Amino acid sequence: MSNLLTLITTSEKRKQLLFLLSKGPQEWDEIKTQMDVSASGMLPQIRILNDEGLITKEGKEYLLTDLGQLIVDLLEPLDKTLKVIEQQKKFWQ
């Protein structure tokens, strides 16, 4: 598995933040409220996604970069498919 895919899929917080930002730019307080997270739990995840070039901060808002949007566009359908498979695992086996 690629390092980028591992980076995103090994943290539910990182993945959910990408999905949240795909809906549009968010200020820090909105992120904390919508994701129900603390600063100490989320800031390291933001830093990782920023360092990887998937999100950026403009003024007070965090938003996806073009690369981040591309990743989310590909990841969202996969994530939904995996959830359906997990819910109906016996059927798919």
N, C-alpha and C. Protein backbone atom coordinates (compact mmCIF):
# COMPACT_ATOMS: atom_id res chain seq x y z
N MET A 1 0.85 -1.18 0.00
CA MET A 1 0.00 0.00 0.00
C MET A 1 0.90 1.24 0.00
N SER A 2 0.49 2.23 -0.74
CA SER A 2 1.32 3.43 -0.83
C SER A 2 1.35 4.16 0.51
N ASN A 3 2.40 4.93 0.70
CA ASN A 3 2.53 5.69 1.95
C ASN A 3 1.39 6.67 2.12
N LEU A 4 0.94 7.30 1.05
CA LEU A 4 -0.14 8.28 1.12
C LEU A 4 -1.45 7.60 1.52
N LEU A 5 -1.76 6.46 0.93
CA LEU A 5 -2.98 5.74 1.29
C LEU A 5 -2.92 5.28 2.74
N THR A 6 -1.78 4.79 3.15
CA THR A 6 -1.61 4.38 4.55
C THR A 6 -1.80 5.57 5.48
N LEU A 7 -1.21 6.69 5.13
CA LEU A 7 -1.32 7.91 5.93
C LEU A 7 -2.77 8.30 6.16
N ILE A 8 -3.58 8.19 5.13
CA ILE A 8 -4.98 8.61 5.22
C ILE A 8 -5.84 7.56 5.92
N THR A 9 -5.66 6.30 5.56
CA THR A 9 -6.57 5.27 6.05
C THR A 9 -6.24 4.76 7.45
N THR A 10 -5.08 5.07 7.97
CA THR A 10 -4.74 4.59 9.32
C THR A 10 -5.22 5.54 10.41
N SER A 11 -5.82 6.65 10.02
CA SER A 11 -6.35 7.59 11.00
C SER A 11 -7.75 8.02 10.59
N GLU A 12 -8.72 7.63 11.38
CA GLU A 12 -10.10 8.02 11.11
C GLU A 12 -10.24 9.54 11.17
N LYS A 13 -9.50 10.19 12.06
CA LYS A 13 -9.57 11.65 12.17
C LYS A 13 -9.08 12.32 10.88
N ARG A 14 -7.97 11.84 10.34
CA ARG A 14 -7.45 12.43 9.10
C ARG A 14 -8.44 12.23 7.96
N LYS A 15 -8.96 11.02 7.86
CA LYS A 15 -9.89 10.71 6.78
C LYS A 15 -11.17 11.56 6.92
N GLN A 16 -11.71 11.66 8.11
CA GLN A 16 -12.93 12.44 8.32
C GLN A 16 -12.70 13.93 8.08
N LEU A 17 -11.52 14.42 8.43
CA LEU A 17 -11.20 15.82 8.16
C LEU A 17 -11.17 16.08 6.66
N LEU A 18 -10.58 15.19 5.90
CA LEU A 18 -10.57 15.35 4.45
C LEU A 18 -11.99 15.37 3.90
N PHE A 19 -12.83 14.46 4.39
CA PHE A 19 -14.23 14.43 3.94
C PHE A 19 -14.96 15.71 4.32
N LEU A 20 -14.71 16.21 5.53
CA LEU A 20 -15.34 17.45 5.98
C LEU A 20 -14.92 18.62 5.09
N LEU A 21 -13.63 18.72 4.82
CA LEU A 21 -13.13 19.83 4.01
C LEU A 21 -13.56 19.73 2.55
N SER A 22 -13.97 18.55 2.12
CA SER A 22 -14.46 18.42 0.74
C SER A 22 -15.78 19.15 0.56
N LYS A 23 -16.45 19.45 1.67
CA LYS A 23 -17.71 20.21 1.63
C LYS A 23 -17.46 21.70 1.55
N GLY A 24 -16.21 22.11 1.77
CA GLY A 24 -15.85 23.51 1.70
C GLY A 24 -14.90 23.88 2.82
N PRO A 25 -14.28 25.05 2.72
CA PRO A 25 -13.34 25.51 3.76
C PRO A 25 -14.03 25.58 5.12
N GLN A 26 -13.25 25.30 6.16
CA GLN A 26 -13.78 25.30 7.53
C GLN A 26 -12.81 26.04 8.45
N GLU A 27 -13.35 26.81 9.36
CA GLU A 27 -12.54 27.43 10.39
C GLU A 27 -12.29 26.41 11.50
N TRP A 28 -11.28 26.68 12.30
CA TRP A 28 -10.86 25.75 13.35
C TRP A 28 -12.01 25.39 14.28
N ASP A 29 -12.77 26.38 14.74
CA ASP A 29 -13.87 26.10 15.66
C ASP A 29 -14.94 25.22 15.01
N GLU A 30 -15.17 25.41 13.72
CA GLU A 30 -16.14 24.57 13.01
C GLU A 30 -15.64 23.12 12.94
N ILE A 31 -14.37 22.96 12.70
CA ILE A 31 -13.78 21.61 12.63
C ILE A 31 -13.94 20.92 13.98
N LYS A 32 -13.57 21.61 15.05
CA LYS A 32 -13.67 21.01 16.37
C LYS A 32 -15.11 20.62 16.71
N THR A 33 -16.05 21.50 16.37
CA THR A 33 -17.45 21.24 16.67
C THR A 33 -18.00 20.09 15.84
N GLN A 34 -17.80 20.16 14.54
CA GLN A 34 -18.37 19.15 13.65
C GLN A 34 -17.75 17.76 13.85
N MET A 35 -16.48 17.73 14.21
CA MET A 35 -15.81 16.45 14.39
C MET A 35 -15.77 16.01 15.85
N ASP A 36 -16.19 16.90 16.75
CA ASP A 36 -16.18 16.62 18.19
C ASP A 36 -14.79 16.15 18.65
N VAL A 37 -13.80 17.01 18.39
CA VAL A 37 -12.41 16.70 18.72
C VAL A 37 -11.81 17.83 19.55
N SER A 38 -10.72 17.50 20.22
CA SER A 38 -9.98 18.50 20.98
C SER A 38 -8.81 18.99 20.13
N ALA A 39 -8.26 20.11 20.52
CA ALA A 39 -7.10 20.65 19.81
C ALA A 39 -5.93 19.68 19.87
N SER A 40 -5.69 19.11 21.04
CA SER A 40 -4.55 18.20 21.18
C SER A 40 -4.72 16.93 20.36
N GLY A 41 -5.96 16.54 20.10
CA GLY A 41 -6.19 15.35 19.30
C GLY A 41 -6.18 15.61 17.80
N MET A 42 -6.47 16.84 17.41
CA MET A 42 -6.63 17.13 15.98
C MET A 42 -5.46 17.87 15.36
N LEU A 43 -4.82 18.75 16.11
CA LEU A 43 -3.74 19.55 15.52
C LEU A 43 -2.61 18.71 14.92
N PRO A 44 -2.21 17.60 15.56
CA PRO A 44 -1.17 16.78 14.91
C PRO A 44 -1.65 16.20 13.57
N GLN A 45 -2.93 15.87 13.48
CA GLN A 45 -3.47 15.32 12.23
C GLN A 45 -3.48 16.40 11.13
N ILE A 46 -3.84 17.61 11.52
CA ILE A 46 -3.82 18.73 10.58
C ILE A 46 -2.40 18.97 10.08
N ARG A 47 -1.46 18.93 10.98
CA ARG A 47 -0.06 19.15 10.61
C ARG A 47 0.40 18.09 9.60
N ILE A 48 0.04 16.83 9.84
CA ILE A 48 0.44 15.75 8.93
C ILE A 48 -0.17 15.96 7.55
N LEU A 49 -1.47 16.26 7.50
CA LEU A 49 -2.12 16.47 6.21
C LEU A 49 -1.57 17.70 5.48
N ASN A 50 -1.23 18.72 6.24
CA ASN A 50 -0.62 19.92 5.66
C ASN A 50 0.77 19.60 5.11
N ASP A 51 1.57 18.88 5.88
CA ASP A 51 2.92 18.52 5.44
C ASP A 51 2.90 17.66 4.17
N GLU A 52 1.84 16.87 4.01
CA GLU A 52 1.70 16.02 2.82
C GLU A 52 1.10 16.76 1.64
N GLY A 53 0.72 18.02 1.85
CA GLY A 53 0.18 18.82 0.77
C GLY A 53 -1.28 18.53 0.43
N LEU A 54 -2.02 17.95 1.39
CA LEU A 54 -3.42 17.62 1.15
C LEU A 54 -4.37 18.71 1.62
N ILE A 55 -3.96 19.46 2.63
CA ILE A 55 -4.76 20.59 3.10
C ILE A 55 -3.85 21.80 3.26
N THR A 56 -4.47 22.95 3.33
CA THR A 56 -3.72 24.18 3.56
C THR A 56 -4.58 25.11 4.40
N LYS A 57 -3.99 26.16 4.88
CA LYS A 57 -4.72 27.15 5.66
C LYS A 57 -4.59 28.49 4.97
N GLU A 58 -5.73 29.10 4.73
CA GLU A 58 -5.76 30.45 4.15
C GLU A 58 -6.54 31.33 5.11
N GLY A 59 -5.84 32.27 5.71
CA GLY A 59 -6.48 33.10 6.73
C GLY A 59 -6.86 32.24 7.91
N LYS A 60 -8.15 32.23 8.25
CA LYS A 60 -8.62 31.42 9.38
C LYS A 60 -9.21 30.08 8.94
N GLU A 61 -9.21 29.83 7.63
CA GLU A 61 -9.87 28.63 7.13
C GLU A 61 -8.90 27.57 6.63
N TYR A 62 -9.27 26.33 6.91
CA TYR A 62 -8.54 25.18 6.37
C TYR A 62 -9.31 24.71 5.14
N LEU A 63 -8.58 24.30 4.11
CA LEU A 63 -9.22 23.81 2.91
C LEU A 63 -8.35 22.78 2.23
N LEU A 64 -8.99 22.00 1.34
CA LEU A 64 -8.26 21.00 0.59
C LEU A 64 -7.42 21.67 -0.49
N THR A 65 -6.26 21.11 -0.74
CA THR A 65 -5.48 21.51 -1.91
C THR A 65 -6.06 20.76 -3.11
N ASP A 66 -5.57 21.05 -4.30
CA ASP A 66 -6.03 20.30 -5.47
C ASP A 66 -5.74 18.81 -5.30
N LEU A 67 -4.57 18.48 -4.77
CA LEU A 67 -4.22 17.09 -4.53
C LEU A 67 -5.16 16.47 -3.49
N GLY A 68 -5.44 17.21 -2.44
CA GLY A 68 -6.37 16.73 -1.41
C GLY A 68 -7.75 16.46 -1.98
N GLN A 69 -8.22 17.34 -2.86
CA GLN A 69 -9.54 17.14 -3.49
C GLN A 69 -9.53 15.91 -4.38
N LEU A 70 -8.46 15.70 -5.12
CA LEU A 70 -8.35 14.52 -5.97
C LEU A 70 -8.40 13.25 -5.12
N ILE A 71 -7.66 13.24 -4.03
CA ILE A 71 -7.63 12.08 -3.14
C ILE A 71 -9.02 11.81 -2.58
N VAL A 72 -9.71 12.84 -2.11
CA VAL A 72 -11.06 12.67 -1.54
C VAL A 72 -12.02 12.16 -2.61
N ASP A 73 -11.93 12.70 -3.81
CA ASP A 73 -12.82 12.26 -4.89
C ASP A 73 -12.67 10.76 -5.17
N LEU A 74 -11.48 10.24 -5.00
CA LEU A 74 -11.24 8.82 -5.22
C LEU A 74 -11.51 7.99 -3.97
N LEU A 75 -11.26 8.55 -2.81
CA LEU A 75 -11.37 7.82 -1.55
C LEU A 75 -12.82 7.66 -1.09
N GLU A 76 -13.65 8.66 -1.32
CA GLU A 76 -15.03 8.61 -0.82
C GLU A 76 -15.81 7.40 -1.35
N PRO A 77 -15.80 7.13 -2.64
CA PRO A 77 -16.53 5.95 -3.11
C PRO A 77 -15.96 4.64 -2.54
N LEU A 78 -14.65 4.56 -2.42
CA LEU A 78 -14.03 3.37 -1.83
C LEU A 78 -14.45 3.21 -0.38
N ASP A 79 -14.45 4.28 0.38
CA ASP A 79 -14.84 4.24 1.79
C ASP A 79 -16.29 3.77 1.93
N LYS A 80 -17.18 4.30 1.10
CA LYS A 80 -18.58 3.90 1.15
C LYS A 80 -18.74 2.42 0.78
N THR A 81 -18.02 1.97 -0.22
CA THR A 81 -18.08 0.57 -0.63
C THR A 81 -17.60 -0.35 0.47
N LEU A 82 -16.51 0.01 1.11
CA LEU A 82 -15.98 -0.82 2.19
C LEU A 82 -16.94 -0.89 3.36
N LYS A 83 -17.62 0.20 3.67
CA LYS A 83 -18.61 0.19 4.76
C LYS A 83 -19.76 -0.75 4.44
N VAL A 84 -20.24 -0.75 3.20
CA VAL A 84 -21.32 -1.65 2.80
C VAL A 84 -20.86 -3.10 2.90
N ILE A 85 -19.66 -3.38 2.44
CA ILE A 85 -19.12 -4.74 2.50
C ILE A 85 -18.99 -5.19 3.95
N GLU A 86 -18.50 -4.31 4.81
CA GLU A 86 -18.35 -4.66 6.23
C GLU A 86 -19.70 -4.94 6.88
N GLN A 87 -20.71 -4.18 6.52
CA GLN A 87 -22.05 -4.37 7.10
C GLN A 87 -22.68 -5.68 6.64
N GLN A 88 -22.34 -6.12 5.45
CA GLN A 88 -22.91 -7.34 4.87
C GLN A 88 -21.82 -8.37 4.57
N LYS A 89 -20.88 -8.49 5.48
CA LYS A 89 -19.70 -9.32 5.25
C LYS A 89 -20.06 -10.77 4.92
N LYS A 90 -21.00 -11.35 5.64
CA LYS A 90 -21.37 -12.75 5.39
C LYS A 90 -21.92 -12.93 3.98
N PHE A 91 -22.71 -11.99 3.53
CA PHE A 91 -23.26 -12.07 2.17
C PHE A 91 -22.12 -12.05 1.15
N TRP A 92 -21.17 -11.14 1.31
CA TRP A 92 -20.10 -11.00 0.33
C TRP A 92 -19.11 -12.15 0.39
N GLN A 93 -19.05 -12.83 1.52
CA GLN A 93 -18.14 -13.99 1.61
C GLN A 93 -18.78 -15.17 0.92
